[in-house]
């Protein structure tokens, strides 16, 4: 589904709770997709 789907989840949880979640993914996914917008929104990584 790509980073946009993940960011929609992260943004919604932040809207509901005021807490910025971490996102867990394998290192290959970290490097095979463009996560710039997720990083700019200050969501931390669990690698």
ModelCIF file with pLDDT and N, C-alpha, C, O atoms, coordinates in Angstrom:
data_MODEL
#
_entry.id   MODEL 
#
_entity.id                         1 
_entity.type                       polymer 
_entity.pdbx_number_of_molecules   1 
#
_entity_poly.entity_id                      1 
_entity_poly.type                           'polypeptide(L)' 
_entity_poly.nstd_linkage                   no 
_entity_poly.nstd_monomer                   no 
_entity_poly.pdbx_seq_one_letter_code       
;(UNK)(UNK)(UNK)(UNK)(UNK)(UNK)(UNK)(UNK)(UNK)(UNK)(UNK)(UNK)(UNK)(UNK)(UNK)(UNK)
(UNK)(UNK)(UNK)(UNK)(UNK)(UNK)(UNK)(UNK)(UNK)(UNK)(UNK)(UNK)(UNK)(UNK)(UNK)(UNK)
(UNK)(UNK)(UNK)(UNK)(UNK)(UNK)(UNK)(UNK)(UNK)(UNK)(UNK)(UNK)(UNK)(UNK)(UNK)
;
_entity_poly.pdbx_seq_one_letter_code_can   XXXXXXXXXXXXXXXXXXXXXXXXXXXXXXXXXXXXXXXXXXXXXXX 
_entity_poly.pdbx_strand_id                 A 
#
loop_
_entity_poly_seq.entity_id 
_entity_poly_seq.num 
_entity_poly_seq.mon_id 
_entity_poly_seq.hetero 
1 1  UNK n 
1 2  UNK n 
1 3  UNK n 
1 4  UNK n 
1 5  UNK n 
1 6  UNK n 
1 7  UNK n 
1 8  UNK n 
1 9  UNK n 
1 10 UNK n 
1 11 UNK n 
1 12 UNK n 
1 13 UNK n 
1 14 UNK n 
1 15 UNK n 
1 16 UNK n 
1 17 UNK n 
1 18 UNK n 
1 19 UNK n 
1 20 UNK n 
1 21 UNK n 
1 22 UNK n 
1 23 UNK n 
1 24 UNK n 
1 25 UNK n 
1 26 UNK n 
1 27 UNK n 
1 28 UNK n 
1 29 UNK n 
1 30 UNK n 
1 31 UNK n 
1 32 UNK n 
1 33 UNK n 
1 34 UNK n 
1 35 UNK n 
1 36 UNK n 
1 37 UNK n 
1 38 UNK n 
1 39 UNK n 
1 40 UNK n 
1 41 UNK n 
1 42 UNK n 
1 43 UNK n 
1 44 UNK n 
1 45 UNK n 
1 46 UNK n 
1 47 UNK n 
#
_struct_asym.id          A 
_struct_asym.entity_id   1 
#
loop_
_ma_qa_metric.id 
_ma_qa_metric.mode 
_ma_qa_metric.name 
_ma_qa_metric.software_group_id 
_ma_qa_metric.type 
1 global pLDDT . pLDDT 
2 local  pLDDT . pLDDT 
#
_ma_qa_metric_global.metric_id      1 
_ma_qa_metric_global.metric_value   95.34 
_ma_qa_metric_global.model_id       1 
_ma_qa_metric_global.ordinal_id     1 
#
loop_
_ma_qa_metric_local.label_asym_id 
_ma_qa_metric_local.label_comp_id 
_ma_qa_metric_local.label_seq_id 
_ma_qa_metric_local.metric_id 
_ma_qa_metric_local.metric_value 
_ma_qa_metric_local.model_id 
_ma_qa_metric_local.ordinal_id 
A UNK 1  2 96.00 1 1  
A UNK 2  2 96.00 1 2  
A UNK 3  2 97.00 1 3  
A UNK 4  2 97.00 1 4  
A UNK 5  2 98.00 1 5  
A UNK 6  2 98.00 1 6  
A UNK 7  2 97.00 1 7  
A UNK 8  2 97.00 1 8  
A UNK 9  2 97.00 1 9  
A UNK 10 2 97.00 1 10 
A UNK 11 2 95.00 1 11 
A UNK 12 2 95.00 1 12 
A UNK 13 2 96.00 1 13 
A UNK 14 2 94.00 1 14 
A UNK 15 2 93.00 1 15 
A UNK 16 2 94.00 1 16 
A UNK 17 2 92.00 1 17 
A UNK 18 2 91.00 1 18 
A UNK 19 2 93.00 1 19 
A UNK 20 2 94.00 1 20 
A UNK 21 2 97.00 1 21 
A UNK 22 2 97.00 1 22 
A UNK 23 2 98.00 1 23 
A UNK 24 2 98.00 1 24 
A UNK 25 2 97.00 1 25 
A UNK 26 2 96.00 1 26 
A UNK 27 2 95.00 1 27 
A UNK 28 2 95.00 1 28 
A UNK 29 2 97.00 1 29 
A UNK 30 2 96.00 1 30 
A UNK 31 2 95.00 1 31 
A UNK 32 2 96.00 1 32 
A UNK 33 2 96.00 1 33 
A UNK 34 2 96.00 1 34 
A UNK 35 2 96.00 1 35 
A UNK 36 2 95.00 1 36 
A UNK 37 2 95.00 1 37 
A UNK 38 2 95.00 1 38 
A UNK 39 2 93.00 1 39 
A UNK 40 2 92.00 1 40 
A UNK 41 2 91.00 1 41 
A UNK 42 2 90.00 1 42 
A UNK 43 2 94.00 1 43 
A UNK 44 2 95.00 1 44 
A UNK 45 2 96.00 1 45 
A UNK 46 2 97.00 1 46 
A UNK 47 2 96.00 1 47 
#
loop_
_atom_site.group_PDB 
_atom_site.id 
_atom_site.type_symbol 
_atom_site.label_atom_id 
_atom_site.label_alt_id 
_atom_site.label_comp_id 
_atom_site.label_asym_id 
_atom_site.label_entity_id 
_atom_site.label_seq_id 
_atom_site.pdbx_PDB_ins_code 
_atom_site.Cartn_x 
_atom_site.Cartn_y 
_atom_site.Cartn_z 
_atom_site.occupancy 
_atom_site.B_iso_or_equiv 
_atom_site.pdbx_formal_charge 
_atom_site.auth_seq_id 
_atom_site.auth_comp_id 
_atom_site.auth_asym_id 
_atom_site.auth_atom_id 
_atom_site.pdbx_PDB_model_num 
ATOM 1   N N  . UNK A 1 1  ? 0.818  -1.225 0.000  1.00 96.00 ? 1  UNK A N  1 
ATOM 2   C CA . UNK A 1 1  ? 0.000  0.000  0.000  1.00 96.00 ? 1  UNK A CA 1 
ATOM 3   C C  . UNK A 1 1  ? 0.845  1.265  0.000  1.00 96.00 ? 1  UNK A C  1 
ATOM 4   O O  . UNK A 1 1  ? 0.347  2.345  -0.318 1.00 96.00 ? 1  UNK A O  1 
ATOM 5   N N  . UNK A 1 2  ? 2.121  1.139  0.355  1.00 96.00 ? 2  UNK A N  1 
ATOM 6   C CA . UNK A 1 2  ? 3.015  2.278  0.304  1.00 96.00 ? 2  UNK A CA 1 
ATOM 7   C C  . UNK A 1 2  ? 2.972  3.185  1.523  1.00 96.00 ? 2  UNK A C  1 
ATOM 8   O O  . UNK A 1 2  ? 2.094  3.042  2.373  1.00 96.00 ? 2  UNK A O  1 
ATOM 9   N N  . UNK A 1 3  ? 3.919  4.119  1.614  1.00 97.00 ? 3  UNK A N  1 
ATOM 10  C CA . UNK A 1 3  ? 4.045  4.999  2.771  1.00 97.00 ? 3  UNK A CA 1 
ATOM 11  C C  . UNK A 1 3  ? 2.818  5.868  3.041  1.00 97.00 ? 3  UNK A C  1 
ATOM 12  O O  . UNK A 1 3  ? 2.576  6.236  4.191  1.00 97.00 ? 3  UNK A O  1 
ATOM 13  N N  . UNK A 1 4  ? 2.037  6.207  2.009  1.00 97.00 ? 4  UNK A N  1 
ATOM 14  C CA . UNK A 1 4  ? 0.867  7.060  2.219  1.00 97.00 ? 4  UNK A CA 1 
ATOM 15  C C  . UNK A 1 4  ? -0.154 6.421  3.139  1.00 97.00 ? 4  UNK A C  1 
ATOM 16  O O  . UNK A 1 4  ? -0.752 7.094  3.979  1.00 97.00 ? 4  UNK A O  1 
ATOM 17  N N  . UNK A 1 5  ? -0.351 5.126  2.981  1.00 98.00 ? 5  UNK A N  1 
ATOM 18  C CA . UNK A 1 5  ? -1.290 4.375  3.835  1.00 98.00 ? 5  UNK A CA 1 
ATOM 19  C C  . UNK A 1 5  ? -0.797 4.394  5.285  1.00 98.00 ? 5  UNK A C  1 
ATOM 20  O O  . UNK A 1 5  ? -1.562 4.630  6.220  1.00 98.00 ? 5  UNK A O  1 
ATOM 21  N N  . UNK A 1 6  ? 0.510  4.136  5.441  1.00 98.00 ? 6  UNK A N  1 
ATOM 22  C CA . UNK A 1 6  ? 1.092  4.135  6.783  1.00 98.00 ? 6  UNK A CA 1 
ATOM 23  C C  . UNK A 1 6  ? 0.987  5.511  7.430  1.00 98.00 ? 6  UNK A C  1 
ATOM 24  O O  . UNK A 1 6  ? 0.653  5.621  8.610  1.00 98.00 ? 6  UNK A O  1 
ATOM 25  N N  . UNK A 1 7  ? 1.269  6.555  6.667  1.00 97.00 ? 7  UNK A N  1 
ATOM 26  C CA . UNK A 1 7  ? 1.205  7.906  7.227  1.00 97.00 ? 7  UNK A CA 1 
ATOM 27  C C  . UNK A 1 7  ? -0.216 8.274  7.625  1.00 97.00 ? 7  UNK A C  1 
ATOM 28  O O  . UNK A 1 7  ? -0.417 8.963  8.625  1.00 97.00 ? 7  UNK A O  1 
ATOM 29  N N  . UNK A 1 8  ? -1.209 7.824  6.854  1.00 97.00 ? 8  UNK A N  1 
ATOM 30  C CA . UNK A 1 8  ? -2.602 8.090  7.220  1.00 97.00 ? 8  UNK A CA 1 
ATOM 31  C C  . UNK A 1 8  ? -2.923 7.469  8.581  1.00 97.00 ? 8  UNK A C  1 
ATOM 32  O O  . UNK A 1 8  ? -3.636 8.071  9.384  1.00 97.00 ? 8  UNK A O  1 
ATOM 33  N N  . UNK A 1 9  ? -2.403 6.276  8.839  1.00 97.00 ? 9  UNK A N  1 
ATOM 34  C CA . UNK A 1 9  ? -2.565 5.637  10.146 1.00 97.00 ? 9  UNK A CA 1 
ATOM 35  C C  . UNK A 1 9  ? -1.889 6.462  11.240 1.00 97.00 ? 9  UNK A C  1 
ATOM 36  O O  . UNK A 1 9  ? -2.499 6.766  12.265 1.00 97.00 ? 9  UNK A O  1 
ATOM 37  N N  . UNK A 1 10 ? -0.646 6.815  11.018 1.00 97.00 ? 10 UNK A N  1 
ATOM 38  C CA . UNK A 1 10 ? 0.121  7.553  12.023 1.00 97.00 ? 10 UNK A CA 1 
ATOM 39  C C  . UNK A 1 10 ? -0.519 8.909  12.321 1.00 97.00 ? 10 UNK A C  1 
ATOM 40  O O  . UNK A 1 10 ? -0.620 9.318  13.478 1.00 97.00 ? 10 UNK A O  1 
ATOM 41  N N  . UNK A 1 11 ? -0.945 9.593  11.273 1.00 95.00 ? 11 UNK A N  1 
ATOM 42  C CA . UNK A 1 11 ? -1.571 10.908 11.457 1.00 95.00 ? 11 UNK A CA 1 
ATOM 43  C C  . UNK A 1 11 ? -2.864 10.797 12.253 1.00 95.00 ? 11 UNK A C  1 
ATOM 44  O O  . UNK A 1 11 ? -3.149 11.629 13.114 1.00 95.00 ? 11 UNK A O  1 
ATOM 45  N N  . UNK A 1 12 ? -3.643 9.758  11.954 1.00 95.00 ? 12 UNK A N  1 
ATOM 46  C CA . UNK A 1 12 ? -4.923 9.597  12.654 1.00 95.00 ? 12 UNK A CA 1 
ATOM 47  C C  . UNK A 1 12 ? -4.700 9.292  14.133 1.00 95.00 ? 12 UNK A C  1 
ATOM 48  O O  . UNK A 1 12 ? -5.409 9.833  14.982 1.00 95.00 ? 12 UNK A O  1 
ATOM 49  N N  . UNK A 1 13 ? -3.751 8.456  14.450 1.00 96.00 ? 13 UNK A N  1 
ATOM 50  C CA . UNK A 1 13 ? -3.468 8.168  15.863 1.00 96.00 ? 13 UNK A CA 1 
ATOM 51  C C  . UNK A 1 13 ? -2.980 9.421  16.571 1.00 96.00 ? 13 UNK A C  1 
ATOM 52  O O  . UNK A 1 13 ? -3.345 9.665  17.722 1.00 96.00 ? 13 UNK A O  1 
ATOM 53  N N  . UNK A 1 14 ? -2.165 10.214 15.901 1.00 94.00 ? 14 UNK A N  1 
ATOM 54  C CA . UNK A 1 14 ? -1.707 11.469 16.517 1.00 94.00 ? 14 UNK A CA 1 
ATOM 55  C C  . UNK A 1 14 ? -2.874 12.415 16.744 1.00 94.00 ? 14 UNK A C  1 
ATOM 56  O O  . UNK A 1 14 ? -2.945 13.085 17.774 1.00 94.00 ? 14 UNK A O  1 
ATOM 57  N N  . UNK A 1 15 ? -3.797 12.470 15.773 1.00 93.00 ? 15 UNK A N  1 
ATOM 58  C CA . UNK A 1 15 ? -4.981 13.319 15.925 1.00 93.00 ? 15 UNK A CA 1 
ATOM 59  C C  . UNK A 1 15 ? -5.825 12.878 17.111 1.00 93.00 ? 15 UNK A C  1 
ATOM 60  O O  . UNK A 1 15 ? -6.331 13.714 17.859 1.00 93.00 ? 15 UNK A O  1 
ATOM 61  N N  . UNK A 1 16 ? -5.982 11.570 17.288 1.00 94.00 ? 16 UNK A N  1 
ATOM 62  C CA . UNK A 1 16 ? -6.845 11.032 18.338 1.00 94.00 ? 16 UNK A CA 1 
ATOM 63  C C  . UNK A 1 16 ? -6.221 11.099 19.725 1.00 94.00 ? 16 UNK A C  1 
ATOM 64  O O  . UNK A 1 16 ? -6.932 11.268 20.716 1.00 94.00 ? 16 UNK A O  1 
ATOM 65  N N  . UNK A 1 17 ? -4.900 10.969 19.805 1.00 92.00 ? 17 UNK A N  1 
ATOM 66  C CA . UNK A 1 17 ? -4.254 10.812 21.110 1.00 92.00 ? 17 UNK A CA 1 
ATOM 67  C C  . UNK A 1 17 ? -3.293 11.927 21.484 1.00 92.00 ? 17 UNK A C  1 
ATOM 68  O O  . UNK A 1 17 ? -2.977 12.106 22.660 1.00 92.00 ? 17 UNK A O  1 
ATOM 69  N N  . UNK A 1 18 ? -2.819 12.687 20.484 1.00 91.00 ? 18 UNK A N  1 
ATOM 70  C CA . UNK A 1 18 ? -1.778 13.667 20.772 1.00 91.00 ? 18 UNK A CA 1 
ATOM 71  C C  . UNK A 1 18 ? -0.413 13.026 20.936 1.00 91.00 ? 18 UNK A C  1 
ATOM 72  O O  . UNK A 1 18 ? 0.546  13.695 21.322 1.00 91.00 ? 18 UNK A O  1 
ATOM 73  N N  . UNK A 1 19 ? -0.313 11.728 20.646 1.00 93.00 ? 19 UNK A N  1 
ATOM 74  C CA . UNK A 1 19 ? 0.943  10.982 20.779 1.00 93.00 ? 19 UNK A CA 1 
ATOM 75  C C  . UNK A 1 19 ? 1.413  10.558 19.388 1.00 93.00 ? 19 UNK A C  1 
ATOM 76  O O  . UNK A 1 19 ? 0.617  10.059 18.592 1.00 93.00 ? 19 UNK A O  1 
ATOM 77  N N  . UNK A 1 20 ? 2.690  10.751 19.092 1.00 94.00 ? 20 UNK A N  1 
ATOM 78  C CA . UNK A 1 20 ? 3.240  10.329 17.809 1.00 94.00 ? 20 UNK A CA 1 
ATOM 79  C C  . UNK A 1 20 ? 3.762  8.895  17.925 1.00 94.00 ? 20 UNK A C  1 
ATOM 80  O O  . UNK A 1 20 ? 4.706  8.635  18.671 1.00 94.00 ? 20 UNK A O  1 
ATOM 81  N N  . UNK A 1 21 ? 3.148  7.964  17.187 1.00 97.00 ? 21 UNK A N  1 
ATOM 82  C CA . UNK A 1 21 ? 3.582  6.572  17.266 1.00 97.00 ? 21 UNK A CA 1 
ATOM 83  C C  . UNK A 1 21 ? 4.926  6.355  16.589 1.00 97.00 ? 21 UNK A C  1 
ATOM 84  O O  . UNK A 1 21 ? 5.369  7.171  15.781 1.00 97.00 ? 21 UNK A O  1 
ATOM 85  N N  . UNK A 1 22 ? 5.569  5.243  16.931 1.00 97.00 ? 22 UNK A N  1 
ATOM 86  C CA . UNK A 1 22 ? 6.704  4.741  16.173 1.00 97.00 ? 22 UNK A CA 1 
ATOM 87  C C  . UNK A 1 22 ? 6.173  3.885  15.032 1.00 97.00 ? 22 UNK A C  1 
ATOM 88  O O  . UNK A 1 22 ? 5.028  3.434  15.074 1.00 97.00 ? 22 UNK A O  1 
ATOM 89  N N  . UNK A 1 23 ? 6.997  3.659  14.014 1.00 98.00 ? 23 UNK A N  1 
ATOM 90  C CA . UNK A 1 23 ? 6.653  2.717  12.958 1.00 98.00 ? 23 UNK A CA 1 
ATOM 91  C C  . UNK A 1 23 ? 7.746  1.657  12.891 1.00 98.00 ? 23 UNK A C  1 
ATOM 92  O O  . UNK A 1 23 ? 8.936  1.966  12.832 1.00 98.00 ? 23 UNK A O  1 
ATOM 93  N N  . UNK A 1 24 ? 7.306  0.391  12.902 1.00 98.00 ? 24 UNK A N  1 
ATOM 94  C CA . UNK A 1 24 ? 8.224  -0.750 12.833 1.00 98.00 ? 24 UNK A CA 1 
ATOM 95  C C  . UNK A 1 24 ? 8.254  -1.270 11.411 1.00 98.00 ? 24 UNK A C  1 
ATOM 96  O O  . UNK A 1 24 ? 7.209  -1.418 10.777 1.00 98.00 ? 24 UNK A O  1 
ATOM 97  N N  . UNK A 1 25 ? 9.459  -1.552 10.901 1.00 97.00 ? 25 UNK A N  1 
ATOM 98  C CA . UNK A 1 25 ? 9.585  -2.168 9.579  1.00 97.00 ? 25 UNK A CA 1 
ATOM 99  C C  . UNK A 1 25 ? 10.972 -2.780 9.447  1.00 97.00 ? 25 UNK A C  1 
ATOM 100 O O  . UNK A 1 25 ? 11.901 -2.438 10.178 1.00 97.00 ? 25 UNK A O  1 
ATOM 101 N N  . UNK A 1 26 ? 11.081 -3.702 8.483  1.00 96.00 ? 26 UNK A N  1 
ATOM 102 C CA . UNK A 1 26 ? 12.387 -4.301 8.210  1.00 96.00 ? 26 UNK A CA 1 
ATOM 103 C C  . UNK A 1 26 ? 13.274 -3.281 7.510  1.00 96.00 ? 26 UNK A C  1 
ATOM 104 O O  . UNK A 1 26 ? 12.797 -2.325 6.899  1.00 96.00 ? 26 UNK A O  1 
ATOM 105 N N  . UNK A 1 27 ? 14.569 -3.513 7.616  1.00 95.00 ? 27 UNK A N  1 
ATOM 106 C CA . UNK A 1 27 ? 15.504 -2.561 7.028  1.00 95.00 ? 27 UNK A CA 1 
ATOM 107 C C  . UNK A 1 27 ? 15.363 -2.471 5.510  1.00 95.00 ? 27 UNK A C  1 
ATOM 108 O O  . UNK A 1 27 ? 15.632 -1.422 4.926  1.00 95.00 ? 27 UNK A O  1 
ATOM 109 N N  . UNK A 1 28 ? 14.947 -3.559 4.870  1.00 95.00 ? 28 UNK A N  1 
ATOM 110 C CA . UNK A 1 28 ? 14.755 -3.505 3.417  1.00 95.00 ? 28 UNK A CA 1 
ATOM 111 C C  . UNK A 1 28 ? 13.617 -2.565 3.041  1.00 95.00 ? 28 UNK A C  1 
ATOM 112 O O  . UNK A 1 28 ? 13.696 -1.870 2.028  1.00 95.00 ? 28 UNK A O  1 
ATOM 113 N N  . UNK A 1 29 ? 12.553 -2.537 3.854  1.00 97.00 ? 29 UNK A N  1 
ATOM 114 C CA . UNK A 1 29 ? 11.431 -1.627 3.594  1.00 97.00 ? 29 UNK A CA 1 
ATOM 115 C C  . UNK A 1 29 ? 11.858 -0.182 3.863  1.00 97.00 ? 29 UNK A C  1 
ATOM 116 O O  . UNK A 1 29 ? 11.436 0.737  3.161  1.00 97.00 ? 29 UNK A O  1 
ATOM 117 N N  . UNK A 1 30 ? 12.687 0.009  4.872  1.00 96.00 ? 30 UNK A N  1 
ATOM 118 C CA . UNK A 1 30 ? 13.218 1.340  5.148  1.00 96.00 ? 30 UNK A CA 1 
ATOM 119 C C  . UNK A 1 30 ? 13.883 1.919  3.899  1.00 96.00 ? 30 UNK A C  1 
ATOM 120 O O  . UNK A 1 30 ? 13.739 3.105  3.602  1.00 96.00 ? 30 UNK A O  1 
ATOM 121 N N  . UNK A 1 31 ? 14.606 1.077  3.180  1.00 95.00 ? 31 UNK A N  1 
ATOM 122 C CA . UNK A 1 31 ? 15.425 1.561  2.074  1.00 95.00 ? 31 UNK A CA 1 
ATOM 123 C C  . UNK A 1 31 ? 14.777 1.451  0.698  1.00 95.00 ? 31 UNK A C  1 
ATOM 124 O O  . UNK A 1 31 ? 15.257 2.060  -0.258 1.00 95.00 ? 31 UNK A O  1 
ATOM 125 N N  . UNK A 1 32 ? 13.691 0.681  0.584  1.00 96.00 ? 32 UNK A N  1 
ATOM 126 C CA . UNK A 1 32 ? 13.078 0.469  -0.728 1.00 96.00 ? 32 UNK A CA 1 
ATOM 127 C C  . UNK A 1 32 ? 11.912 1.416  -1.012 1.00 96.00 ? 32 UNK A C  1 
ATOM 128 O O  . UNK A 1 32 ? 11.356 1.384  -2.110 1.00 96.00 ? 32 UNK A O  1 
ATOM 129 N N  . UNK A 1 33 ? 11.530 2.259  -0.047 1.00 96.00 ? 33 UNK A N  1 
ATOM 130 C CA . UNK A 1 33 ? 10.418 3.188  -0.219 1.00 96.00 ? 33 UNK A CA 1 
ATOM 131 C C  . UNK A 1 33 ? 10.842 4.583  0.234  1.00 96.00 ? 33 UNK A C  1 
ATOM 132 O O  . UNK A 1 33 ? 11.800 4.752  0.988  1.00 96.00 ? 33 UNK A O  1 
ATOM 133 N N  . UNK A 1 34 ? 10.102 5.569  -0.246 1.00 96.00 ? 34 UNK A N  1 
ATOM 134 C CA . UNK A 1 34 ? 10.385 6.961  0.110  1.00 96.00 ? 34 UNK A CA 1 
ATOM 135 C C  . UNK A 1 34 ? 9.585  7.332  1.361  1.00 96.00 ? 34 UNK A C  1 
ATOM 136 O O  . UNK A 1 34 ? 8.370  7.519  1.293  1.00 96.00 ? 34 UNK A O  1 
ATOM 137 N N  . UNK A 1 35 ? 10.260 7.436  2.483  1.00 96.00 ? 35 UNK A N  1 
ATOM 138 C CA . UNK A 1 35 ? 9.614  7.722  3.766  1.00 96.00 ? 35 UNK A CA 1 
ATOM 139 C C  . UNK A 1 35 ? 9.801  9.175  4.193  1.00 96.00 ? 35 UNK A C  1 
ATOM 140 O O  . UNK A 1 35 ? 9.623  9.511  5.364  1.00 96.00 ? 35 UNK A O  1 
ATOM 141 N N  . UNK A 1 36 ? 10.158 10.030 3.244  1.00 95.00 ? 36 UNK A N  1 
ATOM 142 C CA . UNK A 1 36 ? 10.474 11.420 3.575  1.00 95.00 ? 36 UNK A CA 1 
ATOM 143 C C  . UNK A 1 36 ? 9.348  12.113 4.342  1.00 95.00 ? 36 UNK A C  1 
ATOM 144 O O  . UNK A 1 36 ? 9.604  12.774 5.349  1.00 95.00 ? 36 UNK A O  1 
ATOM 145 N N  . UNK A 1 37 ? 8.104  11.969 3.878  1.00 95.00 ? 37 UNK A N  1 
ATOM 146 C CA . UNK A 1 37 ? 6.993  12.662 4.517  1.00 95.00 ? 37 UNK A CA 1 
ATOM 147 C C  . UNK A 1 37 ? 6.733  12.138 5.936  1.00 95.00 ? 37 UNK A C  1 
ATOM 148 O O  . UNK A 1 37 ? 6.322  12.892 6.818  1.00 95.00 ? 37 UNK A O  1 
ATOM 149 N N  . UNK A 1 38 ? 6.974  10.861 6.138  1.00 95.00 ? 38 UNK A N  1 
ATOM 150 C CA . UNK A 1 38 ? 6.810  10.294 7.479  1.00 95.00 ? 38 UNK A CA 1 
ATOM 151 C C  . UNK A 1 38 ? 7.883  10.837 8.411  1.00 95.00 ? 38 UNK A C  1 
ATOM 152 O O  . UNK A 1 38 ? 7.604  11.166 9.564  1.00 95.00 ? 38 UNK A O  1 
ATOM 153 N N  . UNK A 1 39 ? 9.097  10.930 7.915  1.00 93.00 ? 39 UNK A N  1 
ATOM 154 C CA . UNK A 1 39 ? 10.196 11.469 8.725  1.00 93.00 ? 39 UNK A CA 1 
ATOM 155 C C  . UNK A 1 39 ? 9.961  12.942 9.019  1.00 93.00 ? 39 UNK A C  1 
ATOM 156 O O  . UNK A 1 39 ? 10.180 13.392 10.144 1.00 93.00 ? 39 UNK A O  1 
ATOM 157 N N  . UNK A 1 40 ? 9.517  13.699 8.017  1.00 92.00 ? 40 UNK A N  1 
ATOM 158 C CA . UNK A 1 40 ? 9.261  15.129 8.213  1.00 92.00 ? 40 UNK A CA 1 
ATOM 159 C C  . UNK A 1 40 ? 8.147  15.370 9.237  1.00 92.00 ? 40 UNK A C  1 
ATOM 160 O O  . UNK A 1 40 ? 8.128  16.400 9.910  1.00 92.00 ? 40 UNK A O  1 
ATOM 161 N N  . UNK A 1 41 ? 7.222  14.416 9.347  1.00 91.00 ? 41 UNK A N  1 
ATOM 162 C CA . UNK A 1 41 ? 6.149  14.533 10.335 1.00 91.00 ? 41 UNK A CA 1 
ATOM 163 C C  . UNK A 1 41 ? 6.599  14.084 11.724 1.00 91.00 ? 41 UNK A C  1 
ATOM 164 O O  . UNK A 1 41 ? 5.812  14.098 12.670 1.00 91.00 ? 41 UNK A O  1 
ATOM 165 N N  . UNK A 1 42 ? 7.868  13.685 11.845 1.00 90.00 ? 42 UNK A N  1 
ATOM 166 C CA . UNK A 1 42 ? 8.487  13.376 13.138 1.00 90.00 ? 42 UNK A CA 1 
ATOM 167 C C  . UNK A 1 42 ? 7.961  12.079 13.754 1.00 90.00 ? 42 UNK A C  1 
ATOM 168 O O  . UNK A 1 42 ? 7.761  12.004 14.967 1.00 90.00 ? 42 UNK A O  1 
ATOM 169 N N  . UNK A 1 43 ? 7.737  11.062 12.924 1.00 94.00 ? 43 UNK A N  1 
ATOM 170 C CA . UNK A 1 43 ? 7.404  9.734  13.441 1.00 94.00 ? 43 UNK A CA 1 
ATOM 171 C C  . UNK A 1 43 ? 8.684  8.911  13.507 1.00 94.00 ? 43 UNK A C  1 
ATOM 172 O O  . UNK A 1 43 ? 9.385  8.772  12.504 1.00 94.00 ? 43 UNK A O  1 
ATOM 173 N N  . UNK A 1 44 ? 8.990  8.372  14.664 1.00 95.00 ? 44 UNK A N  1 
ATOM 174 C CA . UNK A 1 44 ? 10.239 7.660  14.883 1.00 95.00 ? 44 UNK A CA 1 
ATOM 175 C C  . UNK A 1 44 ? 10.242 6.262  14.305 1.00 95.00 ? 44 UNK A C  1 
ATOM 176 O O  . UNK A 1 44 ? 9.186  5.693  14.031 1.00 95.00 ? 44 UNK A O  1 
ATOM 177 N N  . UNK A 1 45 ? 11.427 5.709  14.119 1.00 96.00 ? 45 UNK A N  1 
ATOM 178 C CA . UNK A 1 45 ? 11.608 4.402  13.491 1.00 96.00 ? 45 UNK A CA 1 
ATOM 179 C C  . UNK A 1 45 ? 12.010 3.339  14.506 1.00 96.00 ? 45 UNK A C  1 
ATOM 180 O O  . UNK A 1 45 ? 12.866 3.559  15.363 1.00 96.00 ? 45 UNK A O  1 
ATOM 181 N N  . UNK A 1 46 ? 11.364 2.176  14.382 1.00 97.00 ? 46 UNK A N  1 
ATOM 182 C CA . UNK A 1 46 ? 11.791 0.953  15.048 1.00 97.00 ? 46 UNK A CA 1 
ATOM 183 C C  . UNK A 1 46 ? 12.305 0.052  13.924 1.00 97.00 ? 46 UNK A C  1 
ATOM 184 O O  . UNK A 1 46 ? 11.516 -0.538 13.186 1.00 97.00 ? 46 UNK A O  1 
ATOM 185 N N  . UNK A 1 47 ? 13.597 -0.047 13.800 1.00 96.00 ? 47 UNK A N  1 
ATOM 186 C CA . UNK A 1 47 ? 14.247 -0.744 12.687 1.00 96.00 ? 47 UNK A CA 1 
ATOM 187 C C  . UNK A 1 47 ? 14.437 -2.219 13.024 1.00 96.00 ? 47 UNK A C  1 
ATOM 188 O O  . UNK A 1 47 ? 14.968 -2.974 12.210 1.00 96.00 ? 47 UNK A O  1 
#
